[in-house]
Every structure is written in structure tokens, then in C-alpha cells.
Amino acid sequence: MNDIRNGKVYGMLFLFFIVCLIVGGFFLMEFFTSSPKKQVKEPPKEVALEEDLKNNKKEDYIYFEDPLIKSELYGINYQNVKINLDSSSARATEIKLNEEMELLKETYKEIKDIDLEEDTLKEIIYKESGIYEAKYAKYTRYFYQNYASLLKDNYSFNCFDGEQYLNSNSYVFDTKTGEIITNEELFALYDLNLDKIKEQIKQKLENKQSTITIKETNEDNEEEKEVEVIDINATLNNLDNIENYAVFIDKGGFLNISYLVKSVEKDYNDVIIIN
């Protein structure tokens, strides 16, 4: 019985060995006769890069050239502005501003070049700069994310009255498109309107309000009168004209307004955050 059982075991082992030879031979034949498959790599996905509209890649979106400094004391500097964006709006604004700057240069006059009488010379108060009169602009740049803002503050000067702020202009560009963002679009972006802005300005001016005593001359006598320094109503009414204020986005992303404050002493410029 043991011989028979051992024979069956040997037979099964032999059969298993034969099957392994057949199967192994088949795979060996496939391995040596078939060509290896090439590993195909998928092409890298293209990453959509934001288009850079800068004409000069080494400069900021707004920069200046050819400065002509006439007075460091008053910041009188006639310089050309460069709007470094490849767009028709940028190009038109640059041309406009530089043409205006050329006209401003022509207003600059020095005391030594003016034929003045002795009595008039004695009336000159601001003689340290040697400037008789001039009109000029002071530029300030602000960059925040995809916004580039240029604030232009306009001034006049004469040697009798000193420096006087006139008004401000602003130019806010979307650096992704190269286009100017209008005041209305900026107000919508920050959920504002002119009435809301006037209310903020009114509150600030009321907090700053003070009084002074002035003398009024009537037909018969002279009397003193106490008046408020800031004319708040005139200041707010002045904002009805879009030419009398400028809005811009500062480097922190806040919306600002630059405007003229009407005063019984001397009108002046003020800037506040309005959002």
C-alpha cells in the first residue's frame, strides 16, 4: 500500500513539474520574441501665465524721466511721466500729462528776470527760493495688486502769497488690461457713492472745526466777529464737480479721496480714506 501511495505522489510531482516547464517556456518565448513596450510620457500641461503688459520689464508700471528740479523747498520738479503699460489708454494719458507739464514749465519765472519797482520788491515775502511765480504738479505713485494709481496734485506759487493748492487729478490703471478705471467704477468696486463720501468728509471736517475772530468794517465802525475757519458747506458743494476731487487706491488697497477744503484763512488740500 505504501508503494502505491508513494507512486501516486511521485506521479503528481512529475506532472506538476511538466506543467511548470510548459508555462514557463511560454512566458520565456513571449519575453524574448516580443519587442519591449515604450513608455509614453504625457506632455506637460501648459500653465496659463498672466500676460505682462509692461513695455519696460525693468521699471515699475509708473515711473519718471528727465527731472528738472527748480526748487527742493517747494517740491517744484518738472518731470516726464511714463505709464509703463502697453495700452492705448496708457499711451494717451502719458502724452496728455507730458504735454501739460511742458505748459507748466512755461509759467516758471524768477525774480531776477522780472523788472520790478523798488516798492514792489519790498512787498515780496517769499524770496528765499528766488522764484517770482510758477505753476507745477506733484506726482505720487501707488501700487496694490493689479492696480497702479497716479495722483497729481496741482499747485501755484508766487513770491507774495507763497504756495497755493489748486486741485488734484488721479489716474488708476488695471495692470491686467492696461485700461483706466473710472471714478464710477471705483465707487462701485468699494460699494460707495458721492453722498456716502460727502457724509464721511462732513464728519471729519466737523471734528476739525474751529473758530477765529475777524474784524469787519461797517460804514461807521469796526467790529469783531467770530467765524468758523472751515466752510463745510462750500467744501461739500465743491465735490459736485468731478474736476474738484481725485480718487485713488493706495498701497494698502484702500480707496482715498483728495479734495479742496474751503477755508476763511487759506484753502488747502486734504486726503482721507473713504472705504
C-alpha atoms as a PDB file:
ATOM      1  CA  MET A   1       0.000   0.000   0.000  1.00  0.00           C
ATOM      2  CA  ASN A   2       2.836   2.343   0.863  1.00  0.00           C
ATOM      3  CA  ASP A   3       4.485   1.677  -2.516  1.00  0.00           C
ATOM      4  CA  ILE A   4       1.243   2.508  -4.322  1.00  0.00           C
ATOM      5  CA  ARG A   5       0.779   5.741  -2.295  1.00  0.00           C
ATOM      6  CA  ASN A   6       4.361   6.816  -2.924  1.00  0.00           C
ATOM      7  CA  GLY A   7       3.960   6.181  -6.620  1.00  0.00           C
ATOM      8  CA  LYS A   8       0.943   8.440  -6.808  1.00  0.00           C
ATOM      9  CA  VAL A   9       2.831  11.218  -5.023  1.00  0.00           C
ATOM     10  CA  TYR A  10       5.780  10.930  -7.378  1.00  0.00           C
ATOM     11  CA  GLY A  11       3.430  10.965 -10.343  1.00  0.00           C
ATOM     12  CA  MET A  12       1.722  14.155  -9.194  1.00  0.00           C
ATOM     13  CA  LEU A  13       5.059  15.852  -8.607  1.00  0.00           C
ATOM     14  CA  PHE A  14       6.226  14.821 -12.061  1.00  0.00           C
ATOM     15  CA  LEU A  15       3.007  16.151 -13.630  1.00  0.00           C
ATOM     16  CA  PHE A  16       3.394  19.460 -11.738  1.00  0.00           C
ATOM     17  CA  PHE A  17       6.991  19.746 -12.996  1.00  0.00           C
ATOM     18  CA  ILE A  18       5.876  19.226 -16.612  1.00  0.00           C
ATOM     19  CA  VAL A  19       3.170  21.916 -16.297  1.00  0.00           C
ATOM     20  CA  CYS A  20       5.709  24.409 -14.861  1.00  0.00           C
ATOM     21  CA  LEU A  21       8.067  23.738 -17.779  1.00  0.00           C
ATOM     22  CA  ILE A  22       5.270  24.357 -20.334  1.00  0.00           C
ATOM     23  CA  VAL A  23       4.002  27.545 -18.710  1.00  0.00           C
ATOM     24  CA  GLY A  24       7.491  28.875 -18.011  1.00  0.00           C
ATOM     25  CA  GLY A  25       8.587  28.156 -21.560  1.00  0.00           C
ATOM     26  CA  PHE A  26       5.604  30.071 -22.916  1.00  0.00           C
ATOM     27  CA  PHE A  27       6.457  33.220 -20.940  1.00  0.00           C
ATOM     28  CA  LEU A  28      10.112  32.932 -21.860  1.00  0.00           C
ATOM     29  CA  MET A  29       9.183  32.793 -25.534  1.00  0.00           C
ATOM     30  CA  GLU A  30       6.958  35.860 -25.162  1.00  0.00           C
ATOM     31  CA  PHE A  31       9.709  37.747 -23.361  1.00  0.00           C
ATOM     32  CA  PHE A  32      12.425  37.095 -25.971  1.00  0.00           C
ATOM     33  CA  THR A  33      10.308  37.349 -29.121  1.00  0.00           C
ATOM     34  CA  SER A  34       8.110  40.380 -28.371  1.00  0.00           C
ATOM     35  CA  SER A  35       9.549  43.944 -28.539  1.00  0.00           C
ATOM     36  CA  PRO A  36       9.532  45.910 -25.302  1.00  0.00           C
ATOM     37  CA  LYS A  37       6.769  48.488 -24.986  1.00  0.00           C
ATOM     38  CA  LYS A  38       7.863  52.089 -24.959  1.00  0.00           C
ATOM     39  CA  GLN A  39       6.797  54.181 -22.003  1.00  0.00           C
ATOM     40  CA  VAL A  40       4.860  57.133 -23.371  1.00  0.00           C
ATOM     41  CA  LYS A  41       5.025  60.299 -21.289  1.00  0.00           C
ATOM     42  CA  GLU A  42       2.128  62.689 -21.364  1.00  0.00           C
ATOM     43  CA  PRO A  43       3.091  66.181 -22.472  1.00  0.00           C
ATOM     44  CA  PRO A  44       3.292  68.633 -19.563  1.00  0.00           C
ATOM     45  CA  LYS A  45       0.179  70.679 -19.126  1.00  0.00           C
ATOM     46  CA  GLU A  46       0.671  74.259 -20.154  1.00  0.00           C
ATOM     47  CA  VAL A  47       0.273  76.707 -17.291  1.00  0.00           C
ATOM     48  CA  ALA A  48      -1.598  79.829 -18.277  1.00  0.00           C
ATOM     49  CA  LEU A  49       0.714  82.719 -17.357  1.00  0.00           C
ATOM     50  CA  GLU A  50      -0.675  86.180 -16.693  1.00  0.00           C
ATOM     51  CA  GLU A  51       0.294  88.458 -19.551  1.00  0.00           C
ATOM     52  CA  ASP A  52       2.755  91.156 -18.535  1.00  0.00           C
ATOM     53  CA  LEU A  53       1.735  94.402 -20.215  1.00  0.00           C
ATOM     54  CA  LYS A  54       4.871  96.286 -19.217  1.00  0.00           C
ATOM     55  CA  ASN A  55       6.740  97.888 -22.089  1.00  0.00           C
ATOM     56  CA  ASN A  56       9.887  98.117 -19.974  1.00  0.00           C
ATOM     57  CA  LYS A  57      10.199  94.983 -17.842  1.00  0.00           C
ATOM     58  CA  LYS A  58      12.834  96.571 -15.592  1.00  0.00           C
ATOM     59  CA  GLU A  59      10.675  99.511 -14.484  1.00  0.00           C
ATOM     60  CA  ASP A  60       7.517  99.946 -12.405  1.00  0.00           C
ATOM     61  CA  TYR A  61       4.132 100.428 -14.012  1.00  0.00           C
ATOM     62  CA  ILE A  62       4.574 104.175 -13.460  1.00  0.00           C
ATOM     63  CA  TYR A  63       7.938 105.917 -13.338  1.00  0.00           C
ATOM     64  CA  PHE A  64       9.524 109.276 -14.200  1.00  0.00           C
ATOM     65  CA  GLU A  65      12.194 110.603 -16.531  1.00  0.00           C
ATOM     66  CA  ASP A  66      14.118 113.824 -17.213  1.00  0.00           C
ATOM     67  CA  PRO A  67      13.582 115.620 -13.888  1.00  0.00           C
ATOM     68  CA  LEU A  68      14.062 119.375 -13.904  1.00  0.00           C
ATOM     69  CA  ILE A  69      14.225 120.412 -10.244  1.00  0.00           C
ATOM     70  CA  LYS A  70      13.585 124.118  -9.748  1.00  0.00           C
ATOM     71  CA  SER A  71      13.006 124.159  -6.001  1.00  0.00           C
ATOM     72  CA  GLU A  72      13.544 121.424  -3.449  1.00  0.00           C
ATOM     73  CA  LEU A  73      11.993 123.676  -0.815  1.00  0.00           C
ATOM     74  CA  TYR A  74       8.601 123.706  -2.559  1.00  0.00           C
ATOM     75  CA  GLY A  75       8.971 120.459  -4.475  1.00  0.00           C
ATOM     76  CA  ILE A  76       8.902 122.135  -7.870  1.00  0.00           C
ATOM     77  CA  ASN A  77      10.077 119.445 -10.248  1.00  0.00           C
ATOM     78  CA  TYR A  78       9.142 119.416 -13.914  1.00  0.00           C
ATOM     79  CA  GLN A  79       9.483 115.774 -14.993  1.00  0.00           C
ATOM     80  CA  ASN A  80       8.070 113.444 -17.615  1.00  0.00           C
ATOM     81  CA  VAL A  81       5.843 110.605 -16.508  1.00  0.00           C
ATOM     82  CA  LYS A  82       5.992 107.148 -18.095  1.00  0.00           C
ATOM     83  CA  ILE A  83       2.924 104.913 -17.980  1.00  0.00           C
ATOM     84  CA  ASN A  84       4.609 101.555 -18.441  1.00  0.00           C
ATOM     85  CA  LEU A  85       1.645  99.672 -19.895  1.00  0.00           C
ATOM     86  CA  ASP A  86       1.062  98.521 -23.462  1.00  0.00           C
ATOM     87  CA  SER A  87      -2.374 100.036 -23.993  1.00  0.00           C
ATOM     88  CA  SER A  88      -3.943 102.947 -25.838  1.00  0.00           C
ATOM     89  CA  SER A  89      -5.276 104.396 -22.566  1.00  0.00           C
ATOM     90  CA  ALA A  90      -1.817 104.396 -21.014  1.00  0.00           C
ATOM     91  CA  ARG A  91      -0.240 105.972 -24.069  1.00  0.00           C
ATOM     92  CA  ALA A  92      -2.915 108.693 -24.348  1.00  0.00           C
ATOM     93  CA  THR A  93      -2.618 109.532 -20.630  1.00  0.00           C
ATOM     94  CA  GLU A  94       1.165 109.725 -20.828  1.00  0.00           C
ATOM     95  CA  ILE A  95       1.046 112.102 -23.806  1.00  0.00           C
ATOM     96  CA  LYS A  96      -1.588 114.286 -22.111  1.00  0.00           C
ATOM     97  CA  LEU A  97       0.336 114.591 -18.847  1.00  0.00           C
ATOM     98  CA  ASN A  98       3.646 115.358 -20.517  1.00  0.00           C
ATOM     99  CA  GLU A  99       2.078 117.999 -22.746  1.00  0.00           C
ATOM    100  CA  GLU A 100       0.575 119.597 -19.636  1.00  0.00           C
ATOM    101  CA  MET A 101       3.995 119.505 -17.979  1.00  0.00           C
ATOM    102  CA  GLU A 102       5.526 121.406 -20.883  1.00  0.00           C
ATOM    103  CA  LEU A 103       2.914 124.134 -20.440  1.00  0.00           C
ATOM    104  CA  LEU A 104       3.622 124.294 -16.718  1.00  0.00           C
ATOM    105  CA  LYS A 105       7.339 124.809 -17.403  1.00  0.00           C
ATOM    106  CA  GLU A 106       6.497 127.987 -19.298  1.00  0.00           C
ATOM    107  CA  THR A 107       4.872 129.513 -16.188  1.00  0.00           C
ATOM    108  CA  TYR A 108       8.119 129.408 -14.192  1.00  0.00           C
ATOM    109  CA  LYS A 109       9.664 132.845 -13.679  1.00  0.00           C
ATOM    110  CA  GLU A 110      12.395 134.075 -11.350  1.00  0.00           C
ATOM    111  CA  ILE A 111      12.521 137.402  -9.517  1.00  0.00           C
ATOM    112  CA  LYS A 112      15.819 138.397 -11.120  1.00  0.00           C
ATOM    113  CA  ASP A 113      14.213 138.158 -14.568  1.00  0.00           C
ATOM    114  CA  ILE A 114      11.277 140.444 -13.731  1.00  0.00           C
ATOM    115  CA  ASP A 115      11.560 144.232 -13.920  1.00  0.00           C
ATOM    116  CA  LEU A 116      10.088 145.261 -10.566  1.00  0.00           C
ATOM    117  CA  GLU A 117       9.949 148.649  -8.882  1.00  0.00           C
ATOM    118  CA  GLU A 118      11.698 149.109  -5.552  1.00  0.00           C
ATOM    119  CA  ASP A 119       8.440 149.367  -3.623  1.00  0.00           C
ATOM    120  CA  THR A 120       7.196 146.124  -5.147  1.00  0.00           C
ATOM    121  CA  LEU A 121      10.423 144.341  -4.261  1.00  0.00           C
ATOM    122  CA  LYS A 122       9.904 145.333  -0.622  1.00  0.00           C
ATOM    123  CA  GLU A 123       6.495 143.617  -0.648  1.00  0.00           C
ATOM    124  CA  ILE A 124       7.970 140.237  -1.552  1.00  0.00           C
ATOM    125  CA  ILE A 125       7.559 137.798   1.342  1.00  0.00           C
ATOM    126  CA  TYR A 126       8.815 134.511  -0.118  1.00  0.00           C
ATOM    127  CA  LYS A 127      12.140 135.485  -1.646  1.00  0.00           C
ATOM    128  CA  GLU A 128      14.397 132.663  -0.395  1.00  0.00           C
ATOM    129  CA  SER A 129      13.784 130.483  -3.465  1.00  0.00           C
ATOM    130  CA  GLY A 130      14.225 133.336  -5.935  1.00  0.00           C
ATOM    131  CA  ILE A 131      11.008 132.311  -7.697  1.00  0.00           C
ATOM    132  CA  TYR A 132       8.629 135.026  -8.843  1.00  0.00           C
ATOM    133  CA  GLU A 133       5.770 132.736  -9.874  1.00  0.00           C
ATOM    134  CA  ALA A 134       5.155 129.218 -11.130  1.00  0.00           C
ATOM    135  CA  LYS A 135       2.561 126.531 -11.648  1.00  0.00           C
ATOM    136  CA  TYR A 136       3.562 122.922 -11.128  1.00  0.00           C
ATOM    137  CA  ALA A 137       2.381 119.393 -10.335  1.00  0.00           C
ATOM    138  CA  LYS A 138       3.464 116.950  -7.645  1.00  0.00           C
ATOM    139  CA  TYR A 139       3.138 113.265  -8.513  1.00  0.00           C
ATOM    140  CA  THR A 140       2.642 110.333  -6.133  1.00  0.00           C
ATOM    141  CA  ARG A 141       2.534 106.657  -7.207  1.00  0.00           C
ATOM    142  CA  TYR A 142       0.702 103.801  -5.518  1.00  0.00           C
ATOM    143  CA  PHE A 143       0.786 100.090  -6.385  1.00  0.00           C
ATOM    144  CA  TYR A 144      -1.591  97.480  -4.984  1.00  0.00           C
ATOM    145  CA  GLN A 145      -2.145  94.026  -6.541  1.00  0.00           C
ATOM    146  CA  ASN A 146      -3.315  94.701 -10.118  1.00  0.00           C
ATOM    147  CA  TYR A 147      -3.902  98.436  -9.555  1.00  0.00           C
ATOM    148  CA  ALA A 148      -1.472 101.235 -10.355  1.00  0.00           C
ATOM    149  CA  SER A 149      -2.537 104.726  -9.257  1.00  0.00           C
ATOM    150  CA  LEU A 150      -1.021 108.076 -10.140  1.00  0.00           C
ATOM    151  CA  LEU A 151      -2.069 111.086  -8.055  1.00  0.00           C
ATOM    152  CA  LYS A 152      -1.342 114.517  -9.495  1.00  0.00           C
ATOM    153  CA  ASP A 153      -1.618 117.459  -7.095  1.00  0.00           C
ATOM    154  CA  ASN A 154      -1.637 120.849  -8.828  1.00  0.00           C
ATOM    155  CA  TYR A 155      -0.141 123.964  -7.228  1.00  0.00           C
ATOM    156  CA  SER A 156       0.660 127.579  -7.923  1.00  0.00           C
ATOM    157  CA  PHE A 157       3.288 129.785  -6.285  1.00  0.00           C
ATOM    158  CA  ASN A 158       4.115 133.444  -6.228  1.00  0.00           C
ATOM    159  CA  CYS A 159       6.575 135.335  -4.103  1.00  0.00           C
ATOM    160  CA  PHE A 160       3.842 137.452  -2.476  1.00  0.00           C
ATOM    161  CA  ASP A 161       1.411 134.726  -1.353  1.00  0.00           C
ATOM    162  CA  GLY A 162       3.530 131.581  -1.303  1.00  0.00           C
ATOM    163  CA  GLU A 163       2.299 128.142  -2.338  1.00  0.00           C
ATOM    164  CA  GLN A 164      -1.369 127.515  -3.077  1.00  0.00           C
ATOM    165  CA  TYR A 165      -3.009 124.141  -3.663  1.00  0.00           C
ATOM    166  CA  LEU A 166      -5.340 124.179  -6.686  1.00  0.00           C
ATOM    167  CA  ASN A 167      -6.806 120.720  -7.246  1.00  0.00           C
ATOM    168  CA  SER A 168      -5.951 117.067  -7.851  1.00  0.00           C
ATOM    169  CA  ASN A 169      -6.261 114.581 -10.685  1.00  0.00           C
ATOM    170  CA  SER A 170      -5.945 110.834 -10.456  1.00  0.00           C
ATOM    171  CA  TYR A 171      -5.363 108.013 -12.920  1.00  0.00           C
ATOM    172  CA  VAL A 172      -5.987 104.439 -11.752  1.00  0.00           C
ATOM    173  CA  PHE A 173      -4.958 101.640 -14.130  1.00  0.00           C
ATOM    174  CA  ASP A 174      -5.839  97.957 -14.128  1.00  0.00           C
ATOM    175  CA  THR A 175      -2.435  96.421 -14.874  1.00  0.00           C
ATOM    176  CA  LYS A 176      -4.067  93.261 -16.252  1.00  0.00           C
ATOM    177  CA  THR A 177      -5.868  95.142 -19.020  1.00  0.00           C
ATOM    178  CA  GLY A 178      -3.945  98.419 -19.211  1.00  0.00           C
ATOM    179  CA  GLU A 179      -7.211 100.359 -19.040  1.00  0.00           C
ATOM    180  CA  ILE A 180      -8.145 103.298 -16.790  1.00  0.00           C
ATOM    181  CA  ILE A 181     -10.689 102.615 -14.064  1.00  0.00           C
ATOM    182  CA  THR A 182     -13.199 105.478 -13.829  1.00  0.00           C
ATOM    183  CA  ASN A 183     -14.393 107.078 -10.586  1.00  0.00           C
ATOM    184  CA  GLU A 184     -17.798 105.456 -11.037  1.00  0.00           C
ATOM    185  CA  GLU A 185     -16.167 102.029 -11.395  1.00  0.00           C
ATOM    186  CA  LEU A 186     -14.043 102.642  -8.297  1.00  0.00           C
ATOM    187  CA  PHE A 187     -17.113 103.683  -6.300  1.00  0.00           C
ATOM    188  CA  ALA A 188     -18.908 100.508  -7.405  1.00  0.00           C
ATOM    189  CA  LEU A 189     -15.861  98.394  -6.538  1.00  0.00           C
ATOM    190  CA  TYR A 190     -15.923  99.708  -2.962  1.00  0.00           C
ATOM    191  CA  ASP A 191     -19.735  99.991  -2.675  1.00  0.00           C
ATOM    192  CA  LEU A 192     -19.661 103.778  -2.374  1.00  0.00           C
ATOM    193  CA  ASN A 193     -21.376 106.798  -3.877  1.00  0.00           C
ATOM    194  CA  LEU A 194     -20.811 110.553  -3.674  1.00  0.00           C
ATOM    195  CA  ASP A 195     -23.407 111.036  -0.926  1.00  0.00           C
ATOM    196  CA  LYS A 196     -21.667 108.489   1.323  1.00  0.00           C
ATOM    197  CA  ILE A 197     -18.324 110.140   0.651  1.00  0.00           C
ATOM    198  CA  LYS A 198     -19.688 113.598   1.449  1.00  0.00           C
ATOM    199  CA  GLU A 199     -21.007 112.309   4.771  1.00  0.00           C
ATOM    200  CA  GLN A 200     -17.563 110.982   5.726  1.00  0.00           C
ATOM    201  CA  ILE A 201     -15.893 114.249   4.776  1.00  0.00           C
ATOM    202  CA  LYS A 202     -18.513 116.243   6.668  1.00  0.00           C
ATOM    203  CA  GLN A 203     -17.894 114.240   9.852  1.00  0.00           C
ATOM    204  CA  LYS A 204     -14.130 114.713   9.587  1.00  0.00           C
ATOM    205  CA  LEU A 205     -14.382 118.458   8.979  1.00  0.00           C
ATOM    206  CA  GLU A 206     -16.863 118.914  11.826  1.00  0.00           C
ATOM    207  CA  ASN A 207     -14.368 117.217  14.158  1.00  0.00           C
ATOM    208  CA  LYS A 208     -11.624 119.577  12.952  1.00  0.00           C
ATOM    209  CA  GLN A 209     -13.752 122.707  13.014  1.00  0.00           C
ATOM    210  CA  SER A 210     -12.540 125.730  14.962  1.00  0.00           C
ATOM    211  CA  THR A 211     -13.332 129.418  15.128  1.00  0.00           C
ATOM    212  CA  ILE A 212     -11.350 132.623  14.773  1.00  0.00           C
ATOM    213  CA  THR A 213     -12.127 136.258  15.393  1.00  0.00           C
ATOM    214  CA  ILE A 214     -12.077 138.583  12.426  1.00  0.00           C
ATOM    215  CA  LYS A 215     -12.658 142.300  12.130  1.00  0.00           C
ATOM    216  CA  GLU A 216     -15.456 143.617   9.957  1.00  0.00           C
ATOM    217  CA  THR A 217     -15.593 147.223   8.919  1.00  0.00           C
ATOM    218  CA  ASN A 218     -19.007 148.808   8.604  1.00  0.00           C
ATOM    219  CA  GLU A 219     -19.836 152.308   7.446  1.00  0.00           C
ATOM    220  CA  ASP A 220     -19.438 153.829  10.881  1.00  0.00           C
ATOM    221  CA  ASN A 221     -17.265 151.485  12.901  1.00  0.00           C
ATOM    222  CA  GLU A 222     -15.155 148.342  13.026  1.00  0.00           C
ATOM    223  CA  GLU A 223     -16.381 145.342  14.973  1.00  0.00           C
ATOM    224  CA  GLU A 224     -15.058 141.896  15.760  1.00  0.00           C
ATOM    225  CA  LYS A 225     -16.880 138.760  14.667  1.00  0.00           C
ATOM    226  CA  GLU A 226     -16.281 135.101  15.456  1.00  0.00           C
ATOM    227  CA  VAL A 227     -16.468 132.821  12.415  1.00  0.00           C
ATOM    228  CA  GLU A 228     -15.815 129.153  11.672  1.00  0.00           C
ATOM    229  CA  VAL A 229     -12.493 128.505   9.957  1.00  0.00           C
ATOM    230  CA  ILE A 230     -13.694 125.732   7.608  1.00  0.00           C
ATOM    231  CA  ASP A 231     -16.540 126.432   5.223  1.00  0.00           C
ATOM    232  CA  ILE A 232     -18.004 122.918   5.298  1.00  0.00           C
ATOM    233  CA  ASN A 233     -20.953 123.610   3.009  1.00  0.00           C
ATOM    234  CA  ALA A 234     -18.773 125.201   0.327  1.00  0.00           C
ATOM    235  CA  THR A 235     -16.329 122.279   0.572  1.00  0.00           C
ATOM    236  CA  LEU A 236     -19.084 119.687   0.106  1.00  0.00           C
ATOM    237  CA  ASN A 237     -20.751 121.613  -2.730  1.00  0.00           C
ATOM    238  CA  ASN A 238     -17.387 121.799  -4.467  1.00  0.00           C
ATOM    239  CA  LEU A 239     -17.414 117.987  -4.727  1.00  0.00           C
ATOM    240  CA  ASP A 240     -20.370 118.110  -7.128  1.00  0.00           C
ATOM    241  CA  ASN A 241     -17.844 118.901  -9.842  1.00  0.00           C
ATOM    242  CA  ILE A 242     -15.773 115.795 -10.662  1.00  0.00           C
ATOM    243  CA  GLU A 243     -12.831 118.060 -11.561  1.00  0.00           C
ATOM    244  CA  ASN A 244     -12.549 119.169  -7.927  1.00  0.00           C
ATOM    245  CA  TYR A 245     -11.506 115.842  -6.414  1.00  0.00           C
ATOM    246  CA  ALA A 246      -9.475 112.753  -7.198  1.00  0.00           C
ATOM    247  CA  VAL A 247      -9.897 109.164  -6.002  1.00  0.00           C
ATOM    248  CA  PHE A 248      -7.148 106.540  -5.966  1.00  0.00           C
ATOM    249  CA  ILE A 249      -6.193 103.179  -4.452  1.00  0.00           C
ATOM    250  CA  ASP A 250      -3.281 103.428  -2.028  1.00  0.00           C
ATOM    251  CA  LYS A 251      -0.575 100.816  -1.395  1.00  0.00           C
ATOM    252  CA  GLY A 252      -2.734  99.166   1.282  1.00  0.00           C
ATOM    253  CA  GLY A 253      -5.684  98.680  -1.065  1.00  0.00           C
ATOM    254  CA  PHE A 254      -7.779 101.454   0.495  1.00  0.00           C
ATOM    255  CA  LEU A 255      -9.757 103.932  -1.586  1.00  0.00           C
ATOM    256  CA  ASN A 256      -8.770 107.564  -0.917  1.00  0.00           C
ATOM    257  CA  ILE A 257     -10.106 110.921  -1.973  1.00  0.00           C
ATOM    258  CA  SER A 258      -8.005 114.068  -2.412  1.00  0.00           C
ATOM    259  CA  TYR A 259     -10.063 117.255  -2.305  1.00  0.00           C
ATOM    260  CA  LEU A 260     -10.015 121.002  -1.634  1.00  0.00           C
ATOM    261  CA  VAL A 261     -11.054 122.292   1.794  1.00  0.00           C
ATOM    262  CA  LYS A 262     -12.533 125.791   1.645  1.00  0.00           C
ATOM    263  CA  SER A 263     -11.330 127.966   4.493  1.00  0.00           C
ATOM    264  CA  VAL A 264     -11.660 131.602   5.546  1.00  0.00           C
ATOM    265  CA  GLU A 265      -7.913 131.632   6.143  1.00  0.00           C
ATOM    266  CA  LYS A 266      -6.470 129.723   3.180  1.00  0.00           C
ATOM    267  CA  ASP A 267      -7.879 126.869   1.102  1.00  0.00           C
ATOM    268  CA  TYR A 268      -5.907 123.665   1.498  1.00  0.00           C
ATOM    269  CA  ASN A 269      -5.699 120.044   0.339  1.00  0.00           C
ATOM    270  CA  ASP A 270      -6.921 117.103   2.389  1.00  0.00           C
ATOM    271  CA  VAL A 271      -6.801 113.348   1.750  1.00  0.00           C
ATOM    272  CA  ILE A 272      -8.879 110.764   3.592  1.00  0.00           C
ATOM    273  CA  ILE A 273      -9.588 107.036   3.304  1.00  0.00           C
ATOM    274  CA  ILE A 274     -13.225 106.617   2.293  1.00  0.00           C
ATOM    275  CA  ASN A 275     -13.830 102.854   2.378  1.00  0.00           C
END
